[in-house]
Amino acid sequence: MFHHTFWENNLSCYLQDLYVEETARGHGAARALIEEVAQSARERNASKLYWQTRNNNITARALYDKIASHNGFIRYDYKLE
């Protein structure tokens, strides 16, 4: 999802969902998918690509820690109902 932010006057790319079928895990599929999204972000001149994951998603975070940097943010959801 491409969007502008209040703090930056540049386009950002948010990778909202990344799911790799269990049988394909460990074979580079997730990295390839992220690289494809990154290429799309570069083509649109986005200033950043970012995503979220649960802190206990150890498998995904092992990959993410190799290819990206954790910025220290924790997300909060405020229920509107």
Protein backbone atom coordinates (compact mmCIF):
# COMPACT_ATOMS: atom_id res chain seq x y z
CA MET A 1 0.00 0.00 0.00
CA PHE A 2 1.51 3.32 -1.04
CA HIS A 3 0.73 6.42 1.01
CA HIS A 4 2.00 9.84 2.03
CA THR A 5 2.69 10.63 5.66
CA PHE A 6 2.29 13.74 7.70
CA TRP A 7 5.93 13.77 8.80
CA GLU A 8 7.48 13.23 5.40
CA ASN A 9 6.56 14.71 2.08
CA ASN A 10 7.59 11.51 0.37
CA LEU A 11 5.73 8.41 -0.69
CA SER A 12 5.97 5.43 1.67
CA CYS A 13 5.21 1.78 0.99
CA TYR A 14 3.54 -0.32 3.67
CA LEU A 15 3.68 -4.07 3.20
CA GLN A 16 0.39 -4.91 4.85
CA ASP A 17 0.41 -8.68 4.65
CA LEU A 18 3.05 -11.24 3.85
CA TYR A 19 2.17 -14.90 3.99
CA VAL A 20 4.16 -17.81 2.63
CA GLU A 21 2.64 -21.27 2.47
CA GLU A 22 4.23 -23.48 5.08
CA THR A 23 5.67 -25.89 2.51
CA ALA A 24 7.45 -23.01 0.75
CA ARG A 25 9.04 -21.57 3.89
CA GLY A 26 12.80 -21.73 4.22
CA HIS A 27 13.35 -21.65 0.45
CA GLY A 28 13.64 -17.89 -0.11
CA ALA A 29 10.01 -17.21 -1.02
CA ALA A 30 9.44 -14.53 1.63
CA ARG A 31 12.68 -12.77 0.75
CA ALA A 32 11.77 -12.85 -2.94
CA LEU A 33 8.31 -11.42 -2.23
CA ILE A 34 9.79 -8.62 -0.13
CA GLU A 35 12.34 -7.86 -2.84
CA GLU A 36 9.52 -7.61 -5.41
CA VAL A 37 7.66 -5.14 -3.19
CA ALA A 38 10.92 -3.22 -2.67
CA GLN A 39 11.42 -3.02 -6.42
CA SER A 40 7.90 -1.67 -6.87
CA ALA A 41 8.60 0.90 -4.15
CA ARG A 42 11.81 1.97 -5.90
CA GLU A 43 9.99 2.29 -9.22
CA ARG A 44 7.48 4.63 -7.58
CA ASN A 45 10.26 6.59 -5.85
CA ALA A 46 9.03 5.71 -2.37
CA SER A 47 11.30 6.86 0.43
CA LYS A 48 10.71 3.82 2.60
CA LEU A 49 9.25 0.34 2.78
CA TYR A 50 8.01 -0.92 6.12
CA TRP A 51 5.86 -3.62 7.71
CA GLN A 52 4.82 -5.01 11.07
CA THR A 53 4.94 -8.41 12.68
CA ARG A 54 4.21 -9.85 16.09
CA ASN A 55 7.11 -9.80 18.51
CA ASN A 56 6.77 -13.57 19.02
CA ASN A 57 6.90 -14.40 15.30
CA ILE A 58 10.41 -15.77 15.64
CA THR A 59 10.57 -17.41 12.20
CA ALA A 60 9.60 -14.26 10.31
CA ARG A 61 11.72 -12.01 12.50
CA ALA A 62 14.80 -14.12 11.78
CA LEU A 63 14.46 -13.14 8.13
CA TYR A 64 13.39 -9.56 8.81
CA ASP A 65 16.39 -8.98 11.08
CA LYS A 66 18.67 -10.01 8.20
CA ILE A 67 17.16 -7.75 5.54
CA ALA A 68 15.72 -4.76 7.43
CA SER A 69 16.14 -2.82 10.65
CA HIS A 70 13.72 -2.75 13.56
CA ASN A 71 12.96 0.86 14.46
CA GLY A 72 11.74 0.21 17.99
CA PHE A 73 8.09 1.16 17.50
CA ILE A 74 5.31 -0.75 19.21
CA ARG A 75 1.82 -0.52 17.73
CA TYR A 76 -1.31 0.19 19.77
CA ASP A 77 -4.88 -0.32 18.54
CA TYR A 78 -7.63 1.84 20.00
CA LYS A 79 -11.07 0.23 19.71
CA LEU A 80 -13.64 2.57 18.23
CA GLU A 81 -16.65 0.38 19.02
